[in-house]
């Protein structure tokens, strides 16, 4: 006798080991679907909710724990004691120096009396000269020993034992079932000497020099500027414009930072000594790299070896490829109100993107990016893996195809990201201009990226890249997806102001595509045969410029907003100041006329 389905009178075909019930094929499918829904709700969602709660512990000061107040009180008392002890030692050293100086002054005074006596009576011989010389040499040797570094060590008594009246510790509850080493910053136990661990962010390496070598005329001016006053001078701006339109070194205010042999494209370019790859920065002006020796748990344990171990394990489970991180150093951040650029090899860009693919960049991801990155994009691919929809899968296909290409044959080129900020005193006075409109050619047969040897416009979000690592899939997101090296700009570029644009120079295209937005699809390999310039960069110049979003479309006819859009375009398109007749082509389209509700006719006239 056949067993019946536990839901309907039809004969059962399937059996569930969990609930021990029998089902027909139809009801078994429904039962399985219910299990999936229950699993997502009870397990997956709860797991992410618990993760979010755990991430709150990354900012422990936001928790109302009295122990932090106690720690701060102890810190203040300890600092006061250290300050008193330091002042006592400093005072003692000053007294010692004064004592030595006074003793030598008295000896010199005695010698001066002898010198005056011999000069007045003229009665001296070789023996007198020899004796006086010995006295002077002795004083000179005493002074030399006192001044020299090695001699000063005799003045300082080193003692690691500090007699604290009271020390404060934080230790793990032995009954706790939570492992304090799950993530960076979780381990707050003292080491065996009872010393407090310093925060990984409290030790920053000073930057010995800029990551790029500025022209000599800028290096002179820079001495008179503040750290954040990096606006280009008129001479620098002319040089920048001249180089941008030059066929050998376009787009830079810096000297050539890479050695590239145009006659041997098979040889990869090498950084010239002094570029940013020489240093491991850990400060607010550079990207904090996961491989940095400063990226560590609070107990001092480096995090990169742990990451490397996991990546190696993953690598063995996949294909037997080799990944090189030897050139993985800290590129500078291109911040608001600066005219600065960063140039790197395509191999370096691939290494940075590999880190982003595995979400390794510290302090950048939601919901807990640090304050220094609050106006930067999150370069980690984490959001691309969440809430997967079809266009995300297609973008991943493009990105994975890129990684497949570069691991099979690493390109030997160079790419540049350059931030251009127009100083306020150079804003054009639109009402005083009488220049006519330029020629305009219209076509619907080509996409912007297909038009060669012109400046190509990226309809950018003010946060460069827009939603490329999320659900966005329009002009900018598609361009960054088929040219993944552009994604490095998310790592280094801060949000754009109204008078700023970002140039992306030399980025190679790897994928073909079809469709747009929800219909976007990866359409196979693309071979970019664009020639390279004298630096080794593809002759491909893209300018990222953001338009205003008009919630109410009628607002765009306000002259203040019209002038804002004009200023943005002028910043990116302004001609060479030393050769006003020079012209170069610009490939653009309906900039800001889609989701941003811009008027095509108005933008076209602008």
Protein backbone atom coordinates (compact mmCIF):
# COMPACT_ATOMS: atom_id res chain seq x y z
CA UNK A 1 0.00 0.00 0.00
CA UNK A 2 1.50 3.33 -1.08
CA UNK A 3 2.10 6.12 1.46
CA UNK A 4 0.00 9.23 1.03
CA UNK A 5 1.26 12.82 1.08
CA UNK A 6 0.92 14.45 4.51
CA UNK A 7 -0.63 17.53 2.85
CA UNK A 8 -2.90 16.15 0.15
CA UNK A 9 -4.40 12.71 -0.71
CA UNK A 10 -1.94 12.14 -3.55
CA UNK A 11 0.60 9.35 -3.20
CA UNK A 12 3.86 10.46 -1.57
CA UNK A 13 7.05 10.49 -3.64
CA UNK A 14 9.48 12.28 -1.32
CA UNK A 15 10.42 12.01 2.35
CA UNK A 16 11.80 14.74 4.60
CA UNK A 17 14.34 13.53 7.16
CA UNK A 18 13.88 16.66 9.21
CA UNK A 19 10.16 16.57 9.97
CA UNK A 20 9.79 12.83 9.05
CA UNK A 21 6.80 13.61 6.81
CA UNK A 22 6.06 12.29 3.34
CA UNK A 23 5.13 14.56 0.43
CA UNK A 24 4.08 14.45 -3.16
CA UNK A 25 6.46 16.20 -5.55
CA UNK A 26 4.37 19.40 -5.62
CA UNK A 27 4.04 19.71 -1.84
CA UNK A 28 7.65 18.69 -1.32
CA UNK A 29 8.74 21.64 -3.49
CA UNK A 30 6.54 23.99 -1.43
CA UNK A 31 7.91 22.47 1.77
CA UNK A 32 11.47 23.04 0.56
CA UNK A 33 10.67 26.65 -0.29
CA UNK A 34 9.28 27.18 3.22
CA UNK A 35 12.50 25.76 4.65
CA UNK A 36 14.54 28.21 2.56
CA UNK A 37 12.44 31.12 3.80
CA UNK A 38 12.76 29.95 7.39
CA UNK A 39 16.51 29.51 6.96
CA UNK A 40 16.92 33.02 5.56
CA UNK A 41 14.78 34.56 8.26
CA UNK A 42 15.95 32.62 11.30
CA UNK A 43 19.59 32.06 10.39
CA UNK A 44 20.89 34.37 7.66
CA UNK A 45 19.09 37.55 8.73
CA UNK A 46 19.86 36.93 12.39
CA UNK A 47 23.51 36.33 11.45
CA UNK A 48 23.77 39.70 9.69
CA UNK A 49 21.91 41.41 12.51
CA UNK A 50 24.38 39.96 14.98
CA UNK A 51 27.29 41.10 12.78
CA UNK A 52 25.90 44.64 12.74
CA UNK A 53 25.68 44.61 16.53
CA UNK A 54 29.23 43.34 16.78
CA UNK A 55 30.42 46.13 14.47
CA UNK A 56 29.10 48.62 17.03
CA UNK A 57 31.89 47.40 19.28
CA UNK A 58 34.38 48.84 16.77
CA UNK A 59 33.43 52.21 18.29
CA UNK A 60 33.49 51.27 21.97
CA UNK A 61 33.27 54.88 23.11
CA UNK A 62 29.72 54.92 21.81
CA UNK A 63 28.82 52.39 24.51
CA UNK A 64 27.78 53.66 27.92
CA UNK A 65 30.45 51.88 29.95
CA UNK A 66 31.77 53.56 33.10
CA UNK A 67 35.10 51.81 32.65
CA UNK A 68 36.05 54.22 29.83
CA UNK A 69 35.61 57.15 32.19
CA UNK A 70 37.82 55.35 34.69
CA UNK A 71 40.46 54.71 32.00
CA UNK A 72 40.45 58.38 30.96
CA UNK A 73 40.79 59.46 34.59
CA UNK A 74 43.75 57.11 35.05
CA UNK A 75 45.26 58.37 31.79
CA UNK A 76 45.07 62.01 32.92
CA UNK A 77 46.59 61.24 36.32
CA UNK A 78 49.38 59.21 34.71
CA UNK A 79 50.14 61.92 32.14
CA UNK A 80 50.37 64.49 34.95
CA UNK A 81 52.88 62.27 36.77
CA UNK A 82 54.90 61.72 33.61
CA UNK A 83 54.86 65.46 32.89
CA UNK A 84 56.14 66.21 36.41
CA UNK A 85 58.85 63.58 36.12
CA UNK A 86 59.83 64.87 32.68
CA UNK A 87 60.07 68.44 33.94
CA UNK A 88 62.26 67.28 36.82
CA UNK A 89 64.64 65.46 34.47
CA UNK A 90 64.66 68.40 32.05
CA UNK A 91 65.51 70.79 34.89
CA UNK A 92 68.30 68.50 36.06
CA UNK A 93 69.76 68.30 32.56
CA UNK A 94 69.66 72.09 32.25
CA UNK A 95 71.51 72.45 35.56
CA UNK A 96 74.12 69.93 34.45
CA UNK A 97 74.70 71.78 31.17
CA UNK A 98 74.96 75.11 33.02
CA UNK A 99 77.48 73.58 35.44
CA UNK A 100 79.67 72.25 32.64
CA UNK A 101 79.43 75.50 30.70
CA UNK A 102 80.41 77.53 33.77
CA UNK A 103 83.41 75.28 34.46
CA UNK A 104 84.68 75.64 30.89
CA UNK A 105 84.01 79.40 30.98
CA UNK A 106 86.22 79.74 34.07
CA UNK A 107 89.00 77.73 32.38
CA UNK A 108 88.81 79.93 29.30
CA UNK A 109 88.90 83.03 31.48
CA UNK A 110 92.11 81.78 33.10
CA UNK A 111 93.64 81.13 29.68
CA UNK A 112 92.54 84.61 28.53
CA UNK A 113 94.48 86.15 31.43
CA UNK A 114 97.61 84.24 30.39
CA UNK A 115 97.13 85.26 26.74
CA UNK A 116 96.78 88.95 27.67
CA UNK A 117 99.86 88.76 29.86
CA UNK A 118 102.01 87.24 27.13
CA UNK A 119 100.71 89.74 24.57
CA UNK A 120 101.46 92.72 26.82
CA UNK A 121 105.03 91.82 27.84
CA UNK A 122 105.90 89.88 24.70
CA UNK A 123 107.80 87.36 26.81
CA UNK A 124 106.77 83.90 25.64
CA UNK A 125 108.46 81.00 23.92
CA UNK A 126 107.67 77.60 22.38
CA UNK A 127 107.02 76.05 25.79
CA UNK A 128 104.38 78.71 26.64
CA UNK A 129 102.65 78.19 23.27
CA UNK A 130 102.68 74.42 23.75
CA UNK A 131 101.23 74.64 27.27
CA UNK A 132 98.47 77.06 26.24
CA UNK A 133 97.63 74.87 23.21
CA UNK A 134 97.31 71.83 25.47
CA UNK A 135 94.90 73.69 27.76
CA UNK A 136 92.76 74.87 24.81
CA UNK A 137 92.75 71.37 23.25
CA UNK A 138 91.65 69.88 26.54
CA UNK A 139 88.71 72.30 26.84
CA UNK A 140 87.85 71.72 23.17
CA UNK A 141 87.83 67.93 23.67
CA UNK A 142 85.63 68.27 26.77
CA UNK A 143 83.19 70.44 24.83
CA UNK A 144 83.17 68.01 21.86
CA UNK A 145 82.45 65.02 24.07
CA UNK A 146 79.67 66.87 25.82
CA UNK A 147 77.99 67.97 22.58
CA UNK A 148 78.30 64.71 20.68
CA UNK A 149 75.40 62.27 20.79
CA UNK A 150 77.34 59.34 22.20
CA UNK A 151 78.60 61.37 25.13
CA UNK A 152 75.10 62.47 26.07
CA UNK A 153 74.18 58.87 26.77
CA UNK A 154 76.31 59.10 29.88
CA UNK A 155 74.04 61.86 31.14
CA UNK A 156 70.83 59.79 30.83
CA UNK A 157 70.17 56.89 33.17
CA UNK A 158 67.83 54.40 31.49
CA UNK A 159 65.47 52.53 33.77
CA UNK A 160 62.46 50.60 32.49
CA UNK A 161 61.00 50.27 35.97
CA UNK A 162 58.61 53.13 36.69
CA UNK A 163 57.29 53.36 40.20
CA UNK A 164 53.60 53.96 39.51
CA UNK A 165 51.40 54.58 42.53
CA UNK A 166 48.55 52.91 40.67
CA UNK A 167 48.22 51.06 37.38
CA UNK A 168 45.08 50.25 35.48
CA UNK A 169 44.43 47.07 33.49
CA UNK A 170 41.73 45.73 31.24
CA UNK A 171 41.55 41.95 31.18
CA UNK A 172 39.28 39.40 29.56
CA UNK A 173 36.56 37.78 31.62
CA UNK A 174 37.72 34.15 31.85
CA UNK A 175 34.13 32.97 31.81
CA UNK A 176 33.39 34.76 28.54
CA UNK A 177 32.75 32.56 25.52
CA UNK A 178 33.61 35.31 23.01
CA UNK A 179 37.09 35.21 21.49
CA UNK A 180 38.58 38.68 21.71
CA UNK A 181 40.74 38.12 18.64
CA UNK A 182 37.96 37.88 16.07
CA UNK A 183 38.70 41.22 14.42
CA UNK A 184 41.16 44.10 14.63
CA UNK A 185 40.73 46.16 17.77
CA UNK A 186 38.92 43.50 19.79
CA UNK A 187 41.87 42.38 21.92
CA UNK A 188 42.26 44.87 24.78
CA UNK A 189 44.17 42.67 27.21
CA UNK A 190 47.50 43.96 28.61
CA UNK A 191 50.70 42.26 27.55
CA UNK A 192 52.82 40.32 30.00
CA UNK A 193 54.62 43.47 31.11
CA UNK A 194 51.38 45.21 32.00
CA UNK A 195 51.85 47.86 29.32
CA UNK A 196 48.89 49.43 27.55
CA UNK A 197 48.54 48.61 23.86
CA UNK A 198 48.47 51.59 21.54
CA UNK A 199 45.79 51.96 18.93
CA UNK A 200 46.93 50.97 15.42
CA UNK A 201 45.93 54.42 14.21
CA UNK A 202 47.97 56.32 16.81
CA UNK A 203 51.32 55.60 15.19
CA UNK A 204 51.50 57.29 11.85
CA UNK A 205 54.55 57.37 9.64
CA UNK A 206 55.52 60.87 8.57
CA UNK A 207 55.68 61.29 4.82
CA UNK A 208 59.27 62.09 3.88
CA UNK A 209 58.14 63.50 0.54
CA UNK A 210 55.23 63.71 -1.80
CA UNK A 211 54.35 60.64 -3.82
CA UNK A 212 54.95 62.61 -6.99
CA UNK A 213 57.83 64.85 -7.96
CA UNK A 214 56.53 68.35 -8.67
CA UNK A 215 58.24 70.60 -11.18
CA UNK A 216 61.02 72.80 -9.82
CA UNK A 217 58.92 75.98 -10.05
CA UNK A 218 56.24 74.40 -7.83
CA UNK A 219 58.75 73.05 -5.33
CA UNK A 220 59.91 76.63 -4.70
CA UNK A 221 56.39 77.93 -4.21
CA UNK A 222 55.36 74.97 -2.04
CA UNK A 223 57.78 76.06 0.67
CA UNK A 224 55.60 79.12 1.21
CA UNK A 225 52.34 77.16 1.33
CA UNK A 226 50.49 75.45 4.12
CA UNK A 227 49.99 71.71 4.03
CA UNK A 228 46.51 71.98 2.55
CA UNK A 229 47.17 75.01 0.31
CA UNK A 230 48.01 73.07 -2.82
CA UNK A 231 46.32 75.23 -5.47
CA UNK A 232 48.40 75.52 -8.61
CA UNK A 233 50.05 78.83 -9.46
CA UNK A 234 49.40 80.45 -12.82
CA UNK A 235 52.74 79.16 -14.12
CA UNK A 236 51.92 75.64 -12.93
CA UNK A 237 48.49 75.81 -14.49
CA UNK A 238 50.00 76.79 -17.85
CA UNK A 239 52.49 73.93 -17.57
CA UNK A 240 49.69 71.52 -16.65
CA UNK A 241 47.55 72.60 -19.60
CA UNK A 242 50.54 72.43 -21.95
CA UNK A 243 51.47 68.92 -20.85
CA UNK A 244 47.87 67.75 -21.06
CA UNK A 245 47.69 68.51 -24.77
CA UNK A 246 51.26 67.38 -25.52
CA UNK A 247 51.56 64.11 -27.42
CA UNK A 248 54.29 62.76 -25.14
CA UNK A 249 53.31 63.61 -21.57
CA UNK A 250 49.64 64.58 -21.34
CA UNK A 251 47.80 65.55 -18.23
CA UNK A 252 50.52 66.07 -15.62
CA UNK A 253 52.22 68.75 -13.52
CA UNK A 254 54.87 66.21 -12.52
CA UNK A 255 58.08 64.93 -13.99
CA UNK A 256 58.03 61.50 -15.58
CA UNK A 257 57.82 59.03 -12.65
CA UNK A 258 58.13 55.81 -14.71
CA UNK A 259 60.77 54.45 -17.05
CA UNK A 260 59.04 53.22 -20.20
CA UNK A 261 60.73 52.16 -23.43
CA UNK A 262 58.38 52.91 -26.32
CA UNK A 263 60.42 50.60 -28.54
CA UNK A 264 60.10 47.68 -26.12
CA UNK A 265 56.46 47.49 -24.99
CA UNK A 266 57.07 43.91 -23.85
CA UNK A 267 59.21 45.21 -20.97
CA UNK A 268 57.14 46.44 -18.06
CA UNK A 269 57.74 50.03 -16.84
CA UNK A 270 59.75 50.59 -13.69
CA UNK A 271 59.17 53.35 -11.11
CA UNK A 272 61.84 56.00 -10.95
CA UNK A 273 63.51 56.17 -7.53
CA UNK A 274 61.63 58.48 -5.19
CA UNK A 275 58.08 57.56 -6.25
CA UNK A 276 55.50 56.61 -3.64
CA UNK A 277 56.35 52.91 -3.90
CA UNK A 278 59.44 53.55 -1.77
CA UNK A 279 57.42 54.17 1.38
CA UNK A 280 54.92 52.47 3.64
CA UNK A 281 52.69 55.34 4.73
CA UNK A 282 50.10 55.12 7.49
CA UNK A 283 48.55 58.58 7.66
CA UNK A 284 45.49 60.57 6.64
CA UNK A 285 47.05 61.67 3.33
CA UNK A 286 47.58 58.18 1.92
CA UNK A 287 45.63 54.98 1.41
CA UNK A 288 46.00 52.75 4.46
CA UNK A 289 47.12 49.46 2.92
CA UNK A 290 46.21 46.02 4.33
CA UNK A 291 49.83 44.90 3.86
CA UNK A 292 51.24 47.81 5.90
CA UNK A 293 53.46 46.99 8.87
CA UNK A 294 51.36 49.52 10.81
CA UNK A 295 48.11 47.55 10.30
CA UNK A 296 48.01 45.41 13.42
CA UNK A 297 45.88 44.19 16.27
CA UNK A 298 46.23 46.09 19.53
CA UNK A 299 48.52 43.36 20.84
CA UNK A 300 50.98 44.22 18.08
CA UNK A 301 50.26 41.19 15.89
CA UNK A 302 50.41 42.09 12.19
CA UNK A 303 47.20 41.45 10.26
CA UNK A 304 48.66 41.04 6.77
CA UNK A 305 50.34 37.63 7.46
CA UNK A 306 46.94 36.32 8.59
CA UNK A 307 45.29 37.68 5.43
CA UNK A 308 48.06 36.18 3.31
CA UNK A 309 47.60 32.80 4.95
CA UNK A 310 43.89 32.79 4.17
CA UNK A 311 44.46 33.99 0.61
CA UNK A 312 47.09 31.29 0.08
CA UNK A 313 44.68 28.67 1.39
CA UNK A 314 41.99 29.96 -0.95
CA UNK A 315 44.47 30.03 -3.80
CA UNK A 316 45.36 26.35 -3.32
CA UNK A 317 41.71 25.41 -3.41
CA UNK A 318 41.34 27.27 -6.70
CA UNK A 319 43.78 27.40 -9.57
CA UNK A 320 47.52 27.49 -9.07
CA UNK A 321 48.16 31.16 -9.90
CA UNK A 322 50.76 33.42 -8.34
CA UNK A 323 49.89 36.86 -6.96
CA UNK A 324 52.62 39.43 -6.36
CA UNK A 325 52.28 42.07 -3.66
CA UNK A 326 55.87 43.33 -3.67
CA UNK A 327 54.83 46.69 -5.16
CA UNK A 328 51.77 47.09 -2.96
CA UNK A 329 52.54 50.39 -1.21
CA UNK A 330 50.48 53.37 -0.13
CA UNK A 331 49.35 55.68 -2.93
CA UNK A 332 48.53 59.26 -1.91
CA UNK A 333 44.94 60.39 -1.47
CA UNK A 334 43.69 62.99 -3.96
CA UNK A 335 41.82 65.26 -1.58
CA UNK A 336 39.44 68.18 -2.03
CA UNK A 337 41.01 71.50 -3.18
CA UNK A 338 44.27 69.96 -4.36
CA UNK A 339 45.88 69.78 -7.78
CA UNK A 340 47.62 66.46 -7.51
CA UNK A 341 47.98 63.20 -9.38
CA UNK A 342 49.11 59.63 -8.81
CA UNK A 343 50.65 57.42 -11.47
CA UNK A 344 51.09 53.66 -11.14
CA UNK A 345 51.72 50.58 -13.26
CA UNK A 346 48.83 48.42 -14.42
CA UNK A 347 50.34 45.63 -12.33
CA UNK A 348 50.09 47.78 -9.22
CA UNK A 349 46.50 48.66 -10.09
CA UNK A 350 45.72 44.94 -10.41
CA UNK A 351 47.20 44.26 -6.97
CA UNK A 352 45.13 47.09 -5.43
CA UNK A 353 41.97 45.77 -7.11
CA UNK A 354 42.72 42.27 -5.81
CA UNK A 355 42.75 43.72 -2.29
CA UNK A 356 39.45 45.49 -2.99
CA UNK A 357 37.97 42.26 -4.38
CA UNK A 358 38.68 40.53 -1.07
CA UNK A 359 37.53 43.62 0.92
CA UNK A 360 40.91 44.10 2.61
CA UNK A 361 41.21 47.90 2.83
CA UNK A 362 40.92 48.96 6.49
CA UNK A 363 38.63 51.66 7.90
CA UNK A 364 36.71 52.12 4.63
CA UNK A 365 33.56 49.97 4.72
CA UNK A 366 30.06 50.77 5.98
CA UNK A 367 28.81 50.96 8.70
CA UNK A 368 32.05 52.00 10.39
CA UNK A 369 34.37 53.97 8.10
CA UNK A 370 36.69 56.27 10.06
CA UNK A 371 36.24 60.04 9.90
CA UNK A 372 39.22 60.51 7.58
CA UNK A 373 37.37 58.51 4.88
CA UNK A 374 33.86 59.88 5.39
CA UNK A 375 33.99 61.76 2.06
CA UNK A 376 35.52 58.88 0.08
CA UNK A 377 33.90 55.98 -1.71
CA UNK A 378 34.18 52.52 -0.19
CA UNK A 379 36.60 50.71 -2.55
CA UNK A 380 35.93 47.25 -1.08
CA UNK A 381 33.67 45.01 -3.19
CA UNK A 382 31.49 44.06 -0.23
CA UNK A 383 28.34 45.82 -1.49
CA UNK A 384 28.69 44.15 -4.90
CA UNK A 385 28.23 40.77 -3.22
CA UNK A 386 25.09 41.77 -1.30
CA UNK A 387 21.49 41.57 -2.56
CA UNK A 388 22.65 40.05 -5.82
CA UNK A 389 20.62 41.03 -8.87
CA UNK A 390 21.22 40.30 -12.52
CA UNK A 391 23.14 43.47 -13.41
CA UNK A 392 25.45 42.87 -10.42
CA UNK A 393 26.18 39.38 -11.74
CA UNK A 394 26.96 40.84 -15.16
CA UNK A 395 29.31 43.42 -13.61
CA UNK A 396 31.04 40.63 -11.71
CA UNK A 397 31.51 38.74 -14.97
CA UNK A 398 33.31 41.77 -16.41
CA UNK A 399 35.50 42.15 -13.34
CA UNK A 400 36.34 38.45 -13.15
CA UNK A 401 37.16 38.51 -16.84
CA UNK A 402 39.58 41.38 -16.12
CA UNK A 403 41.32 39.36 -13.40
CA UNK A 404 41.49 36.37 -15.73
CA UNK A 405 43.13 38.51 -18.42
CA UNK A 406 45.74 40.14 -16.19
CA UNK A 407 46.70 36.86 -14.48
CA UNK A 408 47.22 35.21 -17.85
CA UNK A 409 49.19 38.13 -19.29
CA UNK A 410 49.88 41.15 -17.09
CA UNK A 411 49.85 44.38 -19.17
CA UNK A 412 53.01 46.48 -19.03
CA UNK A 413 51.39 49.91 -19.10
CA UNK A 414 50.93 52.83 -16.75
CA UNK A 415 47.79 54.71 -15.61
CA UNK A 416 47.27 58.13 -14.02
CA UNK A 417 44.55 59.66 -11.83
CA UNK A 418 44.69 63.44 -11.66
CA UNK A 419 42.55 65.80 -9.61
CA UNK A 420 42.05 69.31 -11.03
CA UNK A 421 40.75 72.07 -8.76
CA UNK A 422 40.11 75.51 -10.25
CA UNK A 423 41.02 78.31 -7.79
CA UNK A 424 38.24 80.79 -7.05
CA UNK A 425 40.19 83.76 -8.41
CA UNK A 426 40.18 82.05 -11.82
CA UNK A 427 36.45 81.50 -12.05
CA UNK A 428 35.27 83.00 -15.36
CA UNK A 429 32.95 86.00 -15.37
CA UNK A 430 30.29 84.64 -17.68
CA UNK A 431 28.49 87.93 -18.24
CA UNK A 432 31.65 89.54 -19.63
CA UNK A 433 32.46 86.77 -22.13
CA UNK A 434 31.63 87.23 -25.79
CA UNK A 435 33.08 84.02 -27.23
CA UNK A 436 30.83 82.22 -29.70
CA UNK A 437 29.71 78.61 -29.46
CA UNK A 438 31.95 75.94 -30.94
CA UNK A 439 31.00 73.46 -33.65
CA UNK A 440 28.91 70.52 -32.49
CA UNK A 441 28.68 67.17 -34.29
CA UNK A 442 25.78 64.87 -33.42
CA UNK A 443 25.82 61.10 -33.82
CA UNK A 444 23.83 58.16 -32.50
CA UNK A 445 26.00 55.54 -34.16
CA UNK A 446 28.84 55.50 -31.58
CA UNK A 447 29.24 55.34 -27.84
CA UNK A 448 31.54 57.78 -26.06
CA UNK A 449 34.15 55.09 -25.35
CA UNK A 450 34.29 54.23 -29.09
CA UNK A 451 35.40 57.73 -30.16
CA UNK A 452 39.20 57.80 -30.19
CA UNK A 453 41.77 60.61 -29.69
CA UNK A 454 39.37 62.93 -27.85
CA UNK A 455 38.63 63.77 -24.24
CA UNK A 456 35.84 61.37 -23.22
CA UNK A 457 33.33 62.52 -20.59
CA UNK A 458 32.32 60.32 -17.66
CA UNK A 459 28.85 61.36 -16.43
CA UNK A 460 30.10 61.05 -12.89
CA UNK A 461 28.64 61.04 -9.45
CA UNK A 462 30.39 63.53 -7.18
CA UNK A 463 31.56 60.39 -5.37
CA UNK A 464 33.49 59.00 -8.31
CA UNK A 465 32.28 55.66 -9.60
CA UNK A 466 28.75 56.24 -8.34
CA UNK A 467 26.98 52.92 -7.78
CA UNK A 468 29.45 50.76 -9.69
CA UNK A 469 29.92 48.48 -6.68
CA UNK A 470 26.19 48.56 -5.94
CA UNK A 471 23.08 48.33 -8.07
CA UNK A 472 23.86 51.28 -10.35
CA UNK A 473 24.44 50.38 -13.98
CA UNK A 474 24.29 53.46 -16.21
CA UNK A 475 26.97 55.39 -18.12
CA UNK A 476 29.61 55.84 -15.39
CA UNK A 477 29.08 52.44 -13.78
CA UNK A 478 29.27 50.66 -17.15
CA UNK A 479 32.49 52.49 -18.09
CA UNK A 480 34.15 51.54 -14.79
CA UNK A 481 32.97 47.95 -15.20
CA UNK A 482 34.43 47.44 -18.67
CA UNK A 483 37.59 49.34 -17.64
CA UNK A 484 38.11 48.00 -14.08
CA UNK A 485 41.39 49.89 -13.55
CA UNK A 486 39.20 52.98 -13.15
CA UNK A 487 37.94 51.44 -9.90
CA UNK A 488 41.26 52.40 -8.28
CA UNK A 489 39.95 55.99 -8.31
CA UNK A 490 37.40 54.97 -5.64
CA UNK A 491 40.35 54.19 -3.40
CA UNK A 492 42.21 57.50 -3.79
CA UNK A 493 39.71 60.22 -4.80
CA UNK A 494 37.71 62.29 -2.32
CA UNK A 495 34.28 63.69 -3.23
CA UNK A 496 34.38 66.37 -5.95
CA UNK A 497 33.54 70.00 -5.23
CA UNK A 498 31.76 72.25 -7.75
CA UNK A 499 35.05 73.49 -9.20
CA UNK A 500 36.77 70.11 -9.49
CA UNK A 501 37.13 67.30 -12.01
CA UNK A 502 39.12 64.08 -12.08
CA UNK A 503 41.07 62.78 -15.07
CA UNK A 504 41.50 59.03 -15.59
CA UNK A 505 44.32 58.53 -18.08
CA UNK A 506 45.50 55.31 -19.71
CA UNK A 507 42.91 52.89 -18.29
CA UNK A 508 42.51 49.88 -20.57
CA UNK A 509 39.21 48.34 -21.67
CA UNK A 510 38.80 44.57 -21.20
CA UNK A 511 35.13 43.71 -21.83
CA UNK A 512 32.45 44.11 -24.46
CA UNK A 513 28.86 44.66 -23.37
CA UNK A 514 25.32 45.15 -24.56
CA UNK A 515 22.26 46.68 -22.98
CA UNK A 516 21.92 49.42 -20.39
CA UNK A 517 20.79 49.60 -16.74
CA UNK A 518 18.76 46.46 -15.96
CA UNK A 519 19.41 45.03 -19.44
CA UNK A 520 23.21 45.37 -19.14
CA UNK A 521 25.08 42.16 -20.07
CA UNK A 522 28.70 41.09 -20.34
CA UNK A 523 29.28 40.29 -24.03
CA UNK A 524 32.74 38.75 -24.08
CA UNK A 525 36.37 39.78 -24.39
CA UNK A 526 37.51 43.14 -25.77
CA UNK A 527 41.01 43.78 -27.10
CA UNK A 528 42.01 47.41 -26.59
CA UNK A 529 44.46 48.32 -29.35
CA UNK A 530 44.75 51.98 -28.38
CA UNK A 531 48.41 53.09 -28.75
CA UNK A 532 50.43 54.21 -25.73
CA UNK A 533 52.00 57.60 -25.03
CA UNK A 534 55.59 58.23 -23.96
CA UNK A 535 54.79 57.26 -20.40
CA UNK A 536 53.37 53.88 -21.35
CA UNK A 537 49.72 54.91 -20.91
CA UNK A 538 46.93 54.04 -23.33
CA UNK A 539 45.99 57.15 -25.29
CA UNK A 540 42.65 57.25 -23.52
CA UNK A 541 41.70 60.37 -21.53
CA UNK A 542 38.48 60.30 -19.52
CA UNK A 543 37.24 63.21 -17.43
CA UNK A 544 34.91 62.53 -14.51
CA UNK A 545 32.57 65.49 -13.95
CA UNK A 546 29.41 65.48 -11.87
CA UNK A 547 26.18 67.27 -12.76
CA UNK A 548 23.61 68.68 -10.34
CA UNK A 549 20.69 66.46 -9.40
CA UNK A 550 17.44 68.41 -9.87
CA UNK A 551 14.68 67.04 -7.69
CA UNK A 552 12.49 69.72 -9.22
CA UNK A 553 13.51 69.96 -12.92
CA UNK A 554 12.42 73.62 -13.17
CA UNK A 555 15.17 74.59 -10.70
CA UNK A 556 17.88 74.09 -13.34
CA UNK A 557 16.91 77.33 -15.12
CA UNK A 558 18.03 79.37 -12.09
CA UNK A 559 21.16 81.22 -13.25
CA UNK A 560 23.14 80.20 -10.15
CA UNK A 561 22.65 76.55 -11.06
CA UNK A 562 23.31 77.23 -14.75
CA UNK A 563 26.60 78.87 -13.80
CA UNK A 564 27.45 75.95 -11.55
CA UNK A 565 27.16 73.54 -14.48
CA UNK A 566 29.16 75.92 -16.68
CA UNK A 567 31.89 76.13 -14.03
CA UNK A 568 32.13 72.36 -13.82
CA UNK A 569 32.51 72.07 -17.60
CA UNK A 570 34.98 74.97 -17.74
CA UNK A 571 37.15 73.33 -15.07
CA UNK A 572 37.51 70.23 -17.19
CA UNK A 573 37.54 71.73 -20.68
CA UNK A 574 39.40 75.03 -20.24
CA UNK A 575 41.95 75.66 -23.03
CA UNK A 576 45.66 76.25 -22.79
CA UNK A 577 46.35 79.74 -21.48
CA UNK A 578 49.55 80.16 -23.51
CA UNK A 579 47.94 79.08 -26.80
CA UNK A 580 44.32 80.21 -26.86
CA UNK A 581 43.72 79.02 -30.43
CA UNK A 582 44.48 75.41 -29.59
CA UNK A 583 41.46 73.08 -29.80
CA UNK A 584 40.88 69.47 -28.85
CA UNK A 585 37.83 67.28 -29.31
CA UNK A 586 35.42 66.35 -26.53
CA UNK A 587 33.14 63.33 -26.70
CA UNK A 588 30.10 63.85 -24.50
CA UNK A 589 26.36 63.20 -24.49
CA UNK A 590 23.28 63.74 -22.34
CA UNK A 591 25.32 64.72 -19.27
CA UNK A 592 23.04 64.82 -16.23
CA UNK A 593 19.93 64.40 -18.39
CA UNK A 594 18.78 60.99 -17.21
CA UNK A 595 18.13 60.26 -13.57
CA UNK A 596 19.37 63.78 -12.70
CA UNK A 597 16.51 65.35 -14.74
CA UNK A 598 18.67 67.75 -16.76
CA UNK A 599 17.35 69.51 -19.87
CA UNK A 600 19.17 68.24 -22.99
CA UNK A 601 18.71 71.48 -24.92
CA UNK A 602 19.95 73.62 -22.02
CA UNK A 603 23.01 71.41 -21.46
CA UNK A 604 23.70 71.38 -25.19
CA UNK A 605 23.81 75.19 -25.37
CA UNK A 606 26.06 75.29 -22.28
